[in-house]
Amino acid sequence: MEENIYDGIREVMQITPESITQCEPCMYLPKNLADAINHYISHHGYKLLHVGSNAGLDKSGNMVSDIIALLGK
């Protein structure tokens, strides 16, 4: 039987390149999106749930897109 990666997930966090800040539990400052994802997985027990793109309109009505990562534990 295949493992369901969503079993037991109680907390979900979203990370984008623009949203990277200092990690609150340990004060680590990731260098980029990949570093942030790896940090939360290896140091705080998160699982990578999804990586993809997110598109929408900015304040001026121009189309913008970004990379988004969803992590959970």
C-alpha atoms as a PDB file:
ATOM      1  CA  MET A   1       0.000   0.000   0.000  1.00  0.00           C
ATOM      2  CA  GLU A   2       1.270   3.453  -0.908  1.00  0.00           C
ATOM      3  CA  GLU A   3       1.944   5.936   1.900  1.00  0.00           C
ATOM      4  CA  ASN A   4      -0.347   8.974   1.980  1.00  0.00           C
ATOM      5  CA  ILE A   5       1.980  11.922   2.636  1.00  0.00           C
ATOM      6  CA  TYR A   6      -0.963  13.958   3.937  1.00  0.00           C
ATOM      7  CA  ASP A   7      -1.766  11.590   6.829  1.00  0.00           C
ATOM      8  CA  GLY A   8      -1.234  13.332  10.147  1.00  0.00           C
ATOM      9  CA  ILE A   9      -0.606  16.801   8.691  1.00  0.00           C
ATOM     10  CA  ARG A  10      -1.845  19.354  11.222  1.00  0.00           C
ATOM     11  CA  GLU A  11       0.117  22.438  10.176  1.00  0.00           C
ATOM     12  CA  VAL A  12       0.804  23.790   6.682  1.00  0.00           C
ATOM     13  CA  MET A  13       3.115  26.618   5.701  1.00  0.00           C
ATOM     14  CA  GLN A  14       3.572  28.381   2.377  1.00  0.00           C
ATOM     15  CA  ILE A  15       6.959  29.656   1.210  1.00  0.00           C
ATOM     16  CA  THR A  16       7.718  31.824  -1.807  1.00  0.00           C
ATOM     17  CA  PRO A  17      11.026  33.479  -2.709  1.00  0.00           C
ATOM     18  CA  GLU A  18       9.607  36.826  -1.525  1.00  0.00           C
ATOM     19  CA  SER A  19       8.280  35.470   1.781  1.00  0.00           C
ATOM     20  CA  ILE A  20      11.543  34.039   3.126  1.00  0.00           C
ATOM     21  CA  THR A  21      12.235  35.363   6.606  1.00  0.00           C
ATOM     22  CA  GLN A  22      14.189  34.259   9.638  1.00  0.00           C
ATOM     23  CA  CYS A  23      13.001  30.905  11.004  1.00  0.00           C
ATOM     24  CA  GLU A  24      11.101  31.679  14.215  1.00  0.00           C
ATOM     25  CA  PRO A  25      11.858  28.446  16.084  1.00  0.00           C
ATOM     26  CA  CYS A  26      15.655  28.632  15.635  1.00  0.00           C
ATOM     27  CA  MET A  27      16.470  32.071  14.146  1.00  0.00           C
ATOM     28  CA  TYR A  28      18.125  30.615  11.003  1.00  0.00           C
ATOM     29  CA  LEU A  29      17.968  32.909   7.944  1.00  0.00           C
ATOM     30  CA  PRO A  30      17.645  30.867   4.716  1.00  0.00           C
ATOM     31  CA  LYS A  31      19.628  32.094   1.709  1.00  0.00           C
ATOM     32  CA  ASN A  32      16.974  31.213  -0.907  1.00  0.00           C
ATOM     33  CA  LEU A  33      13.838  29.137  -1.491  1.00  0.00           C
ATOM     34  CA  ALA A  34      15.671  25.803  -1.763  1.00  0.00           C
ATOM     35  CA  ASP A  35      17.607  26.513   1.434  1.00  0.00           C
ATOM     36  CA  ALA A  36      14.368  27.391   3.258  1.00  0.00           C
ATOM     37  CA  ILE A  37      12.642  24.191   2.088  1.00  0.00           C
ATOM     38  CA  ASN A  38      15.629  22.027   3.048  1.00  0.00           C
ATOM     39  CA  HIS A  39      15.930  23.753   6.433  1.00  0.00           C
ATOM     40  CA  TYR A  40      12.318  23.154   7.441  1.00  0.00           C
ATOM     41  CA  ILE A  41      12.474  19.520   6.277  1.00  0.00           C
ATOM     42  CA  SER A  42      15.789  18.622   7.915  1.00  0.00           C
ATOM     43  CA  HIS A  43      15.545  20.680  11.121  1.00  0.00           C
ATOM     44  CA  HIS A  44      11.853  20.936  11.919  1.00  0.00           C
ATOM     45  CA  GLY A  45      10.284  17.731  10.568  1.00  0.00           C
ATOM     46  CA  TYR A  46       8.224  19.224   7.750  1.00  0.00           C
ATOM     47  CA  LYS A  47       7.298  17.253   4.624  1.00  0.00           C
ATOM     48  CA  LEU A  48       7.249  18.767   1.153  1.00  0.00           C
ATOM     49  CA  LEU A  49       3.602  18.638   0.049  1.00  0.00           C
ATOM     50  CA  HIS A  50       3.703  20.645  -3.173  1.00  0.00           C
ATOM     51  CA  VAL A  51       5.956  22.813  -5.327  1.00  0.00           C
ATOM     52  CA  GLY A  52       4.456  24.725  -8.206  1.00  0.00           C
ATOM     53  CA  SER A  53       3.607  28.115  -9.570  1.00  0.00           C
ATOM     54  CA  ASN A  54       1.162  30.698  -8.353  1.00  0.00           C
ATOM     55  CA  ALA A  55      -0.227  33.312 -10.738  1.00  0.00           C
ATOM     56  CA  GLY A  56      -2.283  36.420 -10.151  1.00  0.00           C
ATOM     57  CA  LEU A  57      -2.493  40.157 -10.666  1.00  0.00           C
ATOM     58  CA  ASP A  58      -0.348  42.747  -8.952  1.00  0.00           C
ATOM     59  CA  LYS A  59      -1.707  46.087  -7.639  1.00  0.00           C
ATOM     60  CA  SER A  60      -1.420  47.575 -11.136  1.00  0.00           C
ATOM     61  CA  GLY A  61      -3.386  44.758 -12.740  1.00  0.00           C
ATOM     62  CA  ASN A  62      -0.361  43.152 -14.395  1.00  0.00           C
ATOM     63  CA  MET A  63      -0.078  39.368 -14.479  1.00  0.00           C
ATOM     64  CA  VAL A  64       2.633  38.029 -12.169  1.00  0.00           C
ATOM     65  CA  SER A  65       3.693  34.498 -11.290  1.00  0.00           C
ATOM     66  CA  ASP A  66       5.901  33.033  -8.612  1.00  0.00           C
ATOM     67  CA  ILE A  67       7.139  29.715  -7.301  1.00  0.00           C
ATOM     68  CA  ILE A  68       5.328  28.401  -4.253  1.00  0.00           C
ATOM     69  CA  ALA A  69       6.201  25.566  -1.873  1.00  0.00           C
ATOM     70  CA  LEU A  70       3.770  24.030   0.617  1.00  0.00           C
ATOM     71  CA  LEU A  71       5.230  22.229   3.621  1.00  0.00           C
ATOM     72  CA  GLY A  72       3.383  20.406   6.344  1.00  0.00           C
ATOM     73  CA  LYS A  73       3.824  18.479   9.570  1.00  0.00           C
END
